[in-house]
Each structure stands twice: as C-alpha cells, then as structure tokens.
Amino acid sequence: MPLPIVPFLLAAGALNYPRKKFLTALAFGRAVRYTVVAYLGSLYGRLFFRWLGRYYQPVLYALIALTVIGGLAALYFWGRSRQRSKSFTPVQKR
C-alpha cells in the first residue's frame, strides 16, 4: 500500500526531530516493508502471473473501462466546478 513520505519528512523537519533517529527509523521501516513485499512476491508471484495469463483479457477490459469512466467523471466534475465559478458573483460591500 503506497504511503506518501513527503509529509513525514516535512513534519520531522518542522519539529526538529533528530536526523539520525529519523533516518534510522526510515531505513528500518523500509527494510521491513520491502522484505515483506519480496517474501510475498516469492510466495505468490508465479501464481499471480499464471492467473493474470489466464484472465488477461477481462482484466485489460476492466482497466480500460475504469480508465474511461474515471476520465469522464473527471471531465464532468471539472466542467461543473468551472461552471459554478463562472456563475459565482462576489457580494460587494458598501
């Protein structure tokens, strides 16, 4: 599961967290994470690729459909927010 690291880097800098402790914790956390990912890949990698080889066409069509639906939804909401911002007139103070 992806987790953005930048907010943690910024927070550590803003709170003056000791650099050596932070880098040690960061290295340890990443080592554990990638060790677990590598282990799971060694266990289930071939099974996953065999499954993907069997069902690649339905998976591909589902991904294409999700991409198209997501793009259309993004265009709809973008157009709607643009229309709202054009129709919005700020109240003037007297």
PDB file of N, CA and C in Angstrom:
ATOM      1  N   MET A   1       0.851  -1.169   0.000  1.00  0.00           N
ATOM      2  CA  MET A   1       0.000   0.000   0.000  1.00  0.00           C
ATOM      3  C   MET A   1       0.900   1.237   0.000  1.00  0.00           C
ATOM      4  N   PRO A   2       0.755   2.082  -0.995  1.00  0.00           N
ATOM      5  CA  PRO A   2       1.610   3.264  -1.069  1.00  0.00           C
ATOM      6  C   PRO A   2       1.285   4.274   0.022  1.00  0.00           C
ATOM      7  N   LEU A   3       2.321   4.863   0.539  1.00  0.00           N
ATOM      8  CA  LEU A   3       2.174   5.866   1.580  1.00  0.00           C
ATOM      9  C   LEU A   3       3.106   7.016   1.237  1.00  0.00           C
ATOM     10  N   PRO A   4       2.592   8.221   1.095  1.00  0.00           N
ATOM     11  CA  PRO A   4       3.466   9.340   0.745  1.00  0.00           C
ATOM     12  C   PRO A   4       4.425   9.663   1.888  1.00  0.00           C
ATOM     13  N   ILE A   5       5.687   9.818   1.561  1.00  0.00           N
ATOM     14  CA  ILE A   5       6.712  10.045   2.571  1.00  0.00           C
ATOM     15  C   ILE A   5       6.946  11.525   2.834  1.00  0.00           C
ATOM     16  N   VAL A   6       6.609  12.385   1.877  1.00  0.00           N
ATOM     17  CA  VAL A   6       6.912  13.813   1.991  1.00  0.00           C
ATOM     18  C   VAL A   6       6.294  14.455   3.235  1.00  0.00           C
ATOM     19  N   PRO A   7       5.030  14.194   3.591  1.00  0.00           N
ATOM     20  CA  PRO A   7       4.502  14.816   4.815  1.00  0.00           C
ATOM     21  C   PRO A   7       5.297  14.446   6.067  1.00  0.00           C
ATOM     22  N   PHE A   8       5.793  13.217   6.128  1.00  0.00           N
ATOM     23  CA  PHE A   8       6.591  12.807   7.282  1.00  0.00           C
ATOM     24  C   PHE A   8       7.943  13.506   7.292  1.00  0.00           C
ATOM     25  N   LEU A   9       8.536  13.671   6.119  1.00  0.00           N
ATOM     26  CA  LEU A   9       9.803  14.393   6.040  1.00  0.00           C
ATOM     27  C   LEU A   9       9.627  15.841   6.466  1.00  0.00           C
ATOM     28  N   LEU A  10       8.558  16.467   5.996  1.00  0.00           N
ATOM     29  CA  LEU A  10       8.295  17.857   6.365  1.00  0.00           C
ATOM     30  C   LEU A  10       8.000  17.997   7.860  1.00  0.00           C
ATOM     31  N   ALA A  11       7.213  17.077   8.392  1.00  0.00           N
ATOM     32  CA  ALA A  11       6.881  17.135   9.818  1.00  0.00           C
ATOM     33  C   ALA A  11       8.130  16.922  10.669  1.00  0.00           C
ATOM     34  N   ALA A  12       8.986  15.990  10.281  1.00  0.00           N
ATOM     35  CA  ALA A  12      10.211  15.744  11.043  1.00  0.00           C
ATOM     36  C   ALA A  12      11.107  16.979  11.026  1.00  0.00           C
ATOM     37  N   GLY A  13      11.175  17.639   9.874  1.00  0.00           N
ATOM     38  CA  GLY A  13      11.981  18.856   9.790  1.00  0.00           C
ATOM     39  C   GLY A  13      11.386  19.992  10.599  1.00  0.00           C
ATOM     40  N   ALA A  14      10.080  20.150  10.539  1.00  0.00           N
ATOM     41  CA  ALA A  14       9.409  21.242  11.253  1.00  0.00           C
ATOM     42  C   ALA A  14       9.485  21.056  12.763  1.00  0.00           C
ATOM     43  N   LEU A  15       9.483  19.807  13.215  1.00  0.00           N
ATOM     44  CA  LEU A  15       9.512  19.533  14.648  1.00  0.00           C
ATOM     45  C   LEU A  15      10.932  19.339  15.187  1.00  0.00           C
ATOM     46  N   ASN A  16      11.930  19.589  14.325  1.00  0.00           N
ATOM     47  CA  ASN A  16      13.339  19.437  14.702  1.00  0.00           C
ATOM     48  C   ASN A  16      13.643  18.053  15.264  1.00  0.00           C
ATOM     49  N   TYR A  17      13.065  17.036  14.658  1.00  0.00           N
ATOM     50  CA  TYR A  17      13.324  15.660  15.078  1.00  0.00           C
ATOM     51  C   TYR A  17      14.770  15.331  14.727  1.00  0.00           C
ATOM     52  N   PRO A  18      15.485  14.623  15.587  1.00  0.00           N
ATOM     53  CA  PRO A  18      16.894  14.314  15.303  1.00  0.00           C
ATOM     54  C   PRO A  18      17.044  13.536  13.990  1.00  0.00           C
ATOM     55  N   ARG A  19      17.903  14.039  13.142  1.00  0.00           N
ATOM     56  CA  ARG A  19      18.074  13.476  11.801  1.00  0.00           C
ATOM     57  C   ARG A  19      18.512  12.014  11.855  1.00  0.00           C
ATOM     58  N   LYS A  20      19.418  11.696  12.735  1.00  0.00           N
ATOM     59  CA  LYS A  20      19.936  10.332  12.806  1.00  0.00           C
ATOM     60  C   LYS A  20      18.841   9.343  13.212  1.00  0.00           C
ATOM     61  N   LYS A  21      18.018   9.708  14.187  1.00  0.00           N
ATOM     62  CA  LYS A  21      16.913   8.835  14.616  1.00  0.00           C
ATOM     63  C   LYS A  21      15.897   8.656  13.497  1.00  0.00           C
ATOM     64  N   PHE A  22      15.572   9.763  12.807  1.00  0.00           N
ATOM     65  CA  PHE A  22      14.573   9.689  11.745  1.00  0.00           C
ATOM     66  C   PHE A  22      15.064   8.810  10.604  1.00  0.00           C
ATOM     67  N   LEU A  23      16.311   9.003  10.186  1.00  0.00           N
ATOM     68  CA  LEU A  23      16.840   8.199   9.077  1.00  0.00           C
ATOM     69  C   LEU A  23      16.964   6.729   9.464  1.00  0.00           C
ATOM     70  N   THR A  24      17.289   6.468  10.725  1.00  0.00           N
ATOM     71  CA  THR A  24      17.347   5.076  11.186  1.00  0.00           C
ATOM     72  C   THR A  24      15.960   4.442  11.143  1.00  0.00           C
ATOM     73  N   ALA A  25      14.966   5.149  11.644  1.00  0.00           N
ATOM     74  CA  ALA A  25      13.594   4.628  11.623  1.00  0.00           C
ATOM     75  C   ALA A  25      13.100   4.461  10.192  1.00  0.00           C
ATOM     76  N   LEU A  26      13.419   5.418   9.335  1.00  0.00           N
ATOM     77  CA  LEU A  26      13.007   5.347   7.929  1.00  0.00           C
ATOM     78  C   LEU A  26      13.641   4.145   7.244  1.00  0.00           C
ATOM     79  N   ALA A  27      14.940   3.953   7.444  1.00  0.00           N
ATOM     80  CA  ALA A  27      15.633   2.819   6.825  1.00  0.00           C
ATOM     81  C   ALA A  27      15.084   1.493   7.350  1.00  0.00           C
ATOM     82  N   PHE A  28      14.864   1.402   8.656  1.00  0.00           N
ATOM     83  CA  PHE A  28      14.335   0.170   9.236  1.00  0.00           C
ATOM     84  C   PHE A  28      12.932  -0.127   8.710  1.00  0.00           C
ATOM     85  N   GLY A  29      12.079   0.896   8.676  1.00  0.00           N
ATOM     86  CA  GLY A  29      10.716   0.707   8.185  1.00  0.00           C
ATOM     87  C   GLY A  29      10.675   0.267   6.737  1.00  0.00           C
ATOM     88  N   ARG A  30      11.514   0.894   5.923  1.00  0.00           N
ATOM     89  CA  ARG A  30      11.543   0.497   4.510  1.00  0.00           C
ATOM     90  C   ARG A  30      12.127  -0.899   4.325  1.00  0.00           C
ATOM     91  N   ALA A  31      13.128  -1.241   5.111  1.00  0.00           N
ATOM     92  CA  ALA A  31      13.705  -2.578   5.009  1.00  0.00           C
ATOM     93  C   ALA A  31      12.663  -3.642   5.341  1.00  0.00           C
ATOM     94  N   VAL A  32      11.896  -3.406   6.397  1.00  0.00           N
ATOM     95  CA  VAL A  32      10.839  -4.356   6.769  1.00  0.00           C
ATOM     96  C   VAL A  32       9.788  -4.432   5.674  1.00  0.00           C
ATOM     97  N   ARG A  33       9.383  -3.264   5.176  1.00  0.00           N
ATOM     98  CA  ARG A  33       8.341  -3.232   4.140  1.00  0.00           C
ATOM     99  C   ARG A  33       8.764  -3.997   2.888  1.00  0.00           C
ATOM    100  N   TYR A  34       9.951  -3.712   2.390  1.00  0.00           N
ATOM    101  CA  TYR A  34      10.376  -4.344   1.145  1.00  0.00           C
ATOM    102  C   TYR A  34      10.749  -5.806   1.345  1.00  0.00           C
ATOM    103  N   THR A  35      11.133  -6.178   2.559  1.00  0.00           N
ATOM    104  CA  THR A  35      11.367  -7.596   2.843  1.00  0.00           C
ATOM    105  C   THR A  35      10.050  -8.366   2.779  1.00  0.00           C
ATOM    106  N   VAL A  36       9.002  -7.798   3.350  1.00  0.00           N
ATOM    107  CA  VAL A  36       7.686  -8.440   3.310  1.00  0.00           C
ATOM    108  C   VAL A  36       7.168  -8.512   1.868  1.00  0.00           C
ATOM    109  N   VAL A  37       7.343  -7.433   1.107  1.00  0.00           N
ATOM    110  CA  VAL A  37       6.909  -7.436  -0.297  1.00  0.00           C
ATOM    111  C   VAL A  37       7.667  -8.492  -1.093  1.00  0.00           C
ATOM    112  N   ALA A  38       8.973  -8.600  -0.884  1.00  0.00           N
ATOM    113  CA  ALA A  38       9.770  -9.604  -1.595  1.00  0.00           C
ATOM    114  C   ALA A  38       9.348 -11.021  -1.201  1.00  0.00           C
ATOM    115  N   TYR A  39       9.077 -11.223   0.071  1.00  0.00           N
ATOM    116  CA  TYR A  39       8.646 -12.544   0.527  1.00  0.00           C
ATOM    117  C   TYR A  39       7.304 -12.926  -0.099  1.00  0.00           C
ATOM    118  N   LEU A  40       6.356 -12.000  -0.070  1.00  0.00           N
ATOM    119  CA  LEU A  40       5.052 -12.284  -0.679  1.00  0.00           C
ATOM    120  C   LEU A  40       5.180 -12.502  -2.183  1.00  0.00           C
ATOM    121  N   GLY A  41       6.061 -11.744  -2.812  1.00  0.00           N
ATOM    122  CA  GLY A  41       6.297 -11.942  -4.242  1.00  0.00           C
ATOM    123  C   GLY A  41       6.878 -13.308  -4.542  1.00  0.00           C
ATOM    124  N   SER A  42       7.775 -13.775  -3.674  1.00  0.00           N
ATOM    125  CA  SER A  42       8.346 -15.110  -3.898  1.00  0.00           C
ATOM    126  C   SER A  42       7.309 -16.211  -3.667  1.00  0.00           C
ATOM    127  N   LEU A  43       6.373 -15.968  -2.755  1.00  0.00           N
ATOM    128  CA  LEU A  43       5.340 -16.975  -2.492  1.00  0.00           C
ATOM    129  C   LEU A  43       4.262 -16.999  -3.568  1.00  0.00           C
ATOM    130  N   TYR A  44       3.767 -15.814  -3.923  1.00  0.00           N
ATOM    131  CA  TYR A  44       2.581 -15.739  -4.775  1.00  0.00           C
ATOM    132  C   TYR A  44       2.847 -15.183  -6.163  1.00  0.00           C
ATOM    133  N   GLY A  45       4.081 -14.867  -6.495  1.00  0.00           N
ATOM    134  CA  GLY A  45       4.385 -14.253  -7.780  1.00  0.00           C
ATOM    135  C   GLY A  45       3.993 -15.108  -8.972  1.00  0.00           C
ATOM    136  N   ARG A  46       4.455 -16.360  -8.968  1.00  0.00           N
ATOM    137  CA  ARG A  46       4.137 -17.252 -10.096  1.00  0.00           C
ATOM    138  C   ARG A  46       2.640 -17.523 -10.191  1.00  0.00           C
ATOM    139  N   LEU A  47       1.990 -17.683  -9.045  1.00  0.00           N
ATOM    140  CA  LEU A  47       0.542 -17.910  -9.030  1.00  0.00           C
ATOM    141  C   LEU A  47      -0.196 -16.707  -9.619  1.00  0.00           C
ATOM    142  N   PHE A  48       0.254 -15.506  -9.235  1.00  0.00           N
ATOM    143  CA  PHE A  48      -0.387 -14.291  -9.745  1.00  0.00           C
ATOM    144  C   PHE A  48      -0.205 -14.176 -11.256  1.00  0.00           C
ATOM    145  N   PHE A  49       1.013 -14.420 -11.752  1.00  0.00           N
ATOM    146  CA  PHE A  49       1.244 -14.302 -13.194  1.00  0.00           C
ATOM    147  C   PHE A  49       0.526 -15.389 -13.974  1.00  0.00           C
ATOM    148  N   ARG A  50       0.374 -16.556 -13.371  1.00  0.00           N
ATOM    149  CA  ARG A  50      -0.409 -17.608 -14.027  1.00  0.00           C
ATOM    150  C   ARG A  50      -1.871 -17.189 -14.124  1.00  0.00           C
ATOM    151  N   TRP A  51      -2.398 -16.625 -13.035  1.00  0.00           N
ATOM    152  CA  TRP A  51      -3.786 -16.141 -13.034  1.00  0.00           C
ATOM    153  C   TRP A  51      -3.960 -15.008 -14.037  1.00  0.00           C
ATOM    154  N   LEU A  52      -3.004 -14.081 -14.049  1.00  0.00           N
ATOM    155  CA  LEU A  52      -3.080 -12.956 -14.978  1.00  0.00           C
ATOM    156  C   LEU A  52      -2.985 -13.433 -16.426  1.00  0.00           C
ATOM    157  N   GLY A  53      -2.174 -14.447 -16.685  1.00  0.00           N
ATOM    158  CA  GLY A  53      -2.071 -15.001 -18.028  1.00  0.00           C
ATOM    159  C   GLY A  53      -3.369 -15.636 -18.483  1.00  0.00           C
ATOM    160  N   ARG A  54      -4.103 -16.194 -17.549  1.00  0.00           N
ATOM    161  CA  ARG A  54      -5.373 -16.841 -17.879  1.00  0.00           C
ATOM    162  C   ARG A  54      -6.483 -15.813 -18.106  1.00  0.00           C
ATOM    163  N   TYR A  55      -6.482 -14.759 -17.318  1.00  0.00           N
ATOM    164  CA  TYR A  55      -7.579 -13.793 -17.362  1.00  0.00           C
ATOM    165  C   TYR A  55      -7.124 -12.398 -17.808  1.00  0.00           C
ATOM    166  N   TYR A  56      -6.095 -12.320 -18.642  1.00  0.00           N
ATOM    167  CA  TYR A  56      -5.573 -11.008 -19.001  1.00  0.00           C
ATOM    168  C   TYR A  56      -6.570 -10.176 -19.794  1.00  0.00           C
ATOM    169  N   GLN A  57      -7.354 -10.804 -20.662  1.00  0.00           N
ATOM    170  CA  GLN A  57      -8.302 -10.027 -21.465  1.00  0.00           C
ATOM    171  C   GLN A  57      -9.401  -9.386 -20.621  1.00  0.00           C
ATOM    172  N   PRO A  58     -10.086 -10.111 -19.748  1.00  0.00           N
ATOM    173  CA  PRO A  58     -11.098  -9.447 -18.907  1.00  0.00           C
ATOM    174  C   PRO A  58     -10.490  -8.382 -17.990  1.00  0.00           C
ATOM    175  N   VAL A  59      -9.290  -8.648 -17.473  1.00  0.00           N
ATOM    176  CA  VAL A  59      -8.628  -7.660 -16.620  1.00  0.00           C
ATOM    177  C   VAL A  59      -8.295  -6.419 -17.425  1.00  0.00           C
ATOM    178  N   LEU A  60      -7.797  -6.601 -18.626  1.00  0.00           N
ATOM    179  CA  LEU A  60      -7.471  -5.471 -19.502  1.00  0.00           C
ATOM    180  C   LEU A  60      -8.719  -4.658 -19.826  1.00  0.00           C
ATOM    181  N   TYR A  61      -9.815  -5.333 -20.175  1.00  0.00           N
ATOM    182  CA  TYR A  61     -11.048  -4.617 -20.494  1.00  0.00           C
ATOM    183  C   TYR A  61     -11.601  -3.875 -19.273  1.00  0.00           C
ATOM    184  N   ALA A  62     -11.486  -4.487 -18.113  1.00  0.00           N
ATOM    185  CA  ALA A  62     -11.952  -3.820 -16.894  1.00  0.00           C
ATOM    186  C   ALA A  62     -11.115  -2.579 -16.604  1.00  0.00           C
ATOM    187  N   LEU A  63      -9.806  -2.656 -16.771  1.00  0.00           N
ATOM    188  CA  LEU A  63      -8.951  -1.492 -16.550  1.00  0.00           C
ATOM    189  C   LEU A  63      -9.229  -0.381 -17.555  1.00  0.00           C
ATOM    190  N   ILE A  64      -9.462  -0.752 -18.807  1.00  0.00           N
ATOM    191  CA  ILE A  64      -9.795   0.253 -19.822  1.00  0.00           C
ATOM    192  C   ILE A  64     -11.126   0.913 -19.480  1.00  0.00           C
ATOM    193  N   ALA A  65     -12.108   0.119 -19.085  1.00  0.00           N
ATOM    194  CA  ALA A  65     -13.419   0.670 -18.720  1.00  0.00           C
ATOM    195  C   ALA A  65     -13.311   1.595 -17.522  1.00  0.00           C
ATOM    196  N   LEU A  66     -12.547   1.202 -16.506  1.00  0.00           N
ATOM    197  CA  LEU A  66     -12.368   2.064 -15.333  1.00  0.00           C
ATOM    198  C   LEU A  66     -11.656   3.363 -15.701  1.00  0.00           C
ATOM    199  N   THR A  67     -10.698   3.290 -16.600  1.00  0.00           N
ATOM    200  CA  THR A  67      -9.993   4.493 -17.040  1.00  0.00           C
ATOM    201  C   THR A  67     -10.927   5.434 -17.775  1.00  0.00           C
ATOM    202  N   VAL A  68     -11.739   4.901 -18.660  1.00  0.00           N
ATOM    203  CA  VAL A  68     -12.684   5.735 -19.410  1.00  0.00           C
ATOM    204  C   VAL A  68     -13.720   6.344 -18.469  1.00  0.00           C
ATOM    205  N   ILE A  69     -14.274   5.543 -17.575  1.00  0.00           N
ATOM    206  CA  ILE A  69     -15.272   6.050 -16.624  1.00  0.00           C
ATOM    207  C   ILE A  69     -14.651   7.115 -15.718  1.00  0.00           C
ATOM    208  N   GLY A  70     -13.437   6.876 -15.238  1.00  0.00           N
ATOM    209  CA  GLY A  70     -12.754   7.860 -14.405  1.00  0.00           C
ATOM    210  C   GLY A  70     -12.475   9.153 -15.147  1.00  0.00           C
ATOM    211  N   GLY A  71     -12.072   9.045 -16.411  1.00  0.00           N
ATOM    212  CA  GLY A  71     -11.828  10.238 -17.221  1.00  0.00           C
ATOM    213  C   GLY A  71     -13.098  11.032 -17.465  1.00  0.00           C
ATOM    214  N   LEU A  72     -14.190  10.337 -17.773  1.00  0.00           N
ATOM    215  CA  LEU A  72     -15.462  11.023 -17.984  1.00  0.00           C
ATOM    216  C   LEU A  72     -15.961  11.686 -16.702  1.00  0.00           C
ATOM    217  N   ALA A  73     -15.798  11.002 -15.568  1.00  0.00           N
ATOM    218  CA  ALA A  73     -16.203  11.588 -14.290  1.00  0.00           C
ATOM    219  C   ALA A  73     -15.362  12.824 -13.977  1.00  0.00           C
ATOM    220  N   ALA A  74     -14.065  12.760 -14.247  1.00  0.00           N
ATOM    221  CA  ALA A  74     -13.197  13.907 -14.008  1.00  0.00           C
ATOM    222  C   ALA A  74     -13.592  15.083 -14.887  1.00  0.00           C
ATOM    223  N   LEU A  75     -13.889  14.823 -16.146  1.00  0.00           N
ATOM    224  CA  LEU A  75     -14.338  15.900 -17.046  1.00  0.00           C
ATOM    225  C   LEU A  75     -15.657  16.504 -16.578  1.00  0.00           C
ATOM    226  N   TYR A  76     -16.568  15.657 -16.131  1.00  0.00           N
ATOM    227  CA  TYR A  76     -17.860  16.140 -15.652  1.00  0.00           C
ATOM    228  C   TYR A  76     -17.686  17.053 -14.445  1.00  0.00           C
ATOM    229  N   PHE A  77     -16.930  16.585 -13.447  1.00  0.00           N
ATOM    230  CA  PHE A  77     -16.747  17.399 -12.239  1.00  0.00           C
ATOM    231  C   PHE A  77     -15.931  18.651 -12.512  1.00  0.00           C
ATOM    232  N   TRP A  78     -14.976  18.570 -13.406  1.00  0.00           N
ATOM    233  CA  TRP A  78     -14.191  19.743 -13.774  1.00  0.00           C
ATOM    234  C   TRP A  78     -15.083  20.781 -14.455  1.00  0.00           C
ATOM    235  N   GLY A  79     -15.915  20.333 -15.384  1.00  0.00           N
ATOM    236  CA  GLY A  79     -16.834  21.248 -16.069  1.00  0.00           C
ATOM    237  C   GLY A  79     -17.846  21.848 -15.117  1.00  0.00           C
ATOM    238  N   ARG A  80     -18.323  21.047 -14.196  1.00  0.00           N
ATOM    239  CA  ARG A  80     -19.285  21.533 -13.217  1.00  0.00           C
ATOM    240  C   ARG A  80     -18.673  22.579 -12.285  1.00  0.00           C
ATOM    241  N   SER A  81     -17.454  22.340 -11.837  1.00  0.00           N
ATOM    242  CA  SER A  81     -16.809  23.316 -10.953  1.00  0.00           C
ATOM    243  C   SER A  81     -16.456  24.584 -11.712  1.00  0.00           C
ATOM    244  N   ARG A  82     -16.115  24.449 -12.967  1.00  0.00           N
ATOM    245  CA  ARG A  82     -15.809  25.625 -13.790  1.00  0.00           C
ATOM    246  C   ARG A  82     -17.061  26.459 -14.021  1.00  0.00           C
ATOM    247  N   GLN A  83     -18.185  25.779 -14.247  1.00  0.00           N
ATOM    248  CA  GLN A  83     -19.451  26.484 -14.462  1.00  0.00           C
ATOM    249  C   GLN A  83     -19.875  27.213 -13.190  1.00  0.00           C
ATOM    250  N   ARG A  84     -19.678  26.575 -12.043  1.00  0.00           N
ATOM    251  CA  ARG A  84     -20.022  27.217 -10.775  1.00  0.00           C
ATOM    252  C   ARG A  84     -19.166  28.449 -10.521  1.00  0.00           C
ATOM    253  N   SER A  85     -17.887  28.367 -10.853  1.00  0.00           N
ATOM    254  CA  SER A  85     -17.014  29.504 -10.590  1.00  0.00           C
ATOM    255  C   SER A  85     -17.336  30.675 -11.517  1.00  0.00           C
ATOM    256  N   LYS A  86     -17.835  30.396 -12.713  1.00  0.00           N
ATOM    257  CA  LYS A  86     -18.223  31.469 -13.623  1.00  0.00           C
ATOM    258  C   LYS A  86     -19.521  32.138 -13.170  1.00  0.00           C
ATOM    259  N   SER A  87     -20.447  31.356 -12.622  1.00  0.00           N
ATOM    260  CA  SER A  87     -21.734  31.914 -12.217  1.00  0.00           C
ATOM    261  C   SER A  87     -21.671  32.581 -10.848  1.00  0.00           C
ATOM    262  N   PHE A  88     -20.583  32.389 -10.126  1.00  0.00           N
ATOM    263  CA  PHE A  88     -20.439  32.976  -8.794  1.00  0.00           C
ATOM    264  C   PHE A  88     -20.052  34.442  -8.917  1.00  0.00           C
ATOM    265  N   THR A  89     -20.864  35.298  -8.308  1.00  0.00           N
ATOM    266  CA  THR A  89     -20.539  36.724  -8.280  1.00  0.00           C
ATOM    267  C   THR A  89     -20.360  37.140  -6.823  1.00  0.00           C
ATOM    268  N   PRO A  90     -19.207  37.664  -6.489  1.00  0.00           N
ATOM    269  CA  PRO A  90     -18.978  38.043  -5.089  1.00  0.00           C
ATOM    270  C   PRO A  90     -19.856  39.227  -4.682  1.00  0.00           C
ATOM    271  N   VAL A  91     -20.238  39.226  -3.420  1.00  0.00           N
ATOM    272  CA  VAL A  91     -21.056  40.292  -2.866  1.00  0.00           C
ATOM    273  C   VAL A  91     -20.167  41.491  -2.591  1.00  0.00           C
ATOM    274  N   GLN A  92     -20.587  42.652  -3.081  1.00  0.00           N
ATOM    275  CA  GLN A  92     -19.786  43.864  -2.865  1.00  0.00           C
ATOM    276  C   GLN A  92     -20.218  44.551  -1.596  1.00  0.00           C
ATOM    277  N   LYS A  93     -19.222  45.043  -0.840  1.00  0.00           N
ATOM    278  CA  LYS A  93     -19.522  45.768   0.395  1.00  0.00           C
ATOM    279  C   LYS A  93     -19.791  47.222   0.076  1.00  0.00           C
ATOM    280  N   ARG A  94     -20.650  47.836   0.854  1.00  0.00           N
ATOM    281  CA  ARG A  94     -20.943  49.264   0.659  1.00  0.00           C
ATOM    282  C   ARG A  94     -20.326  50.089   1.711  1.00  0.00           C
TER     283      ARG A  94
END
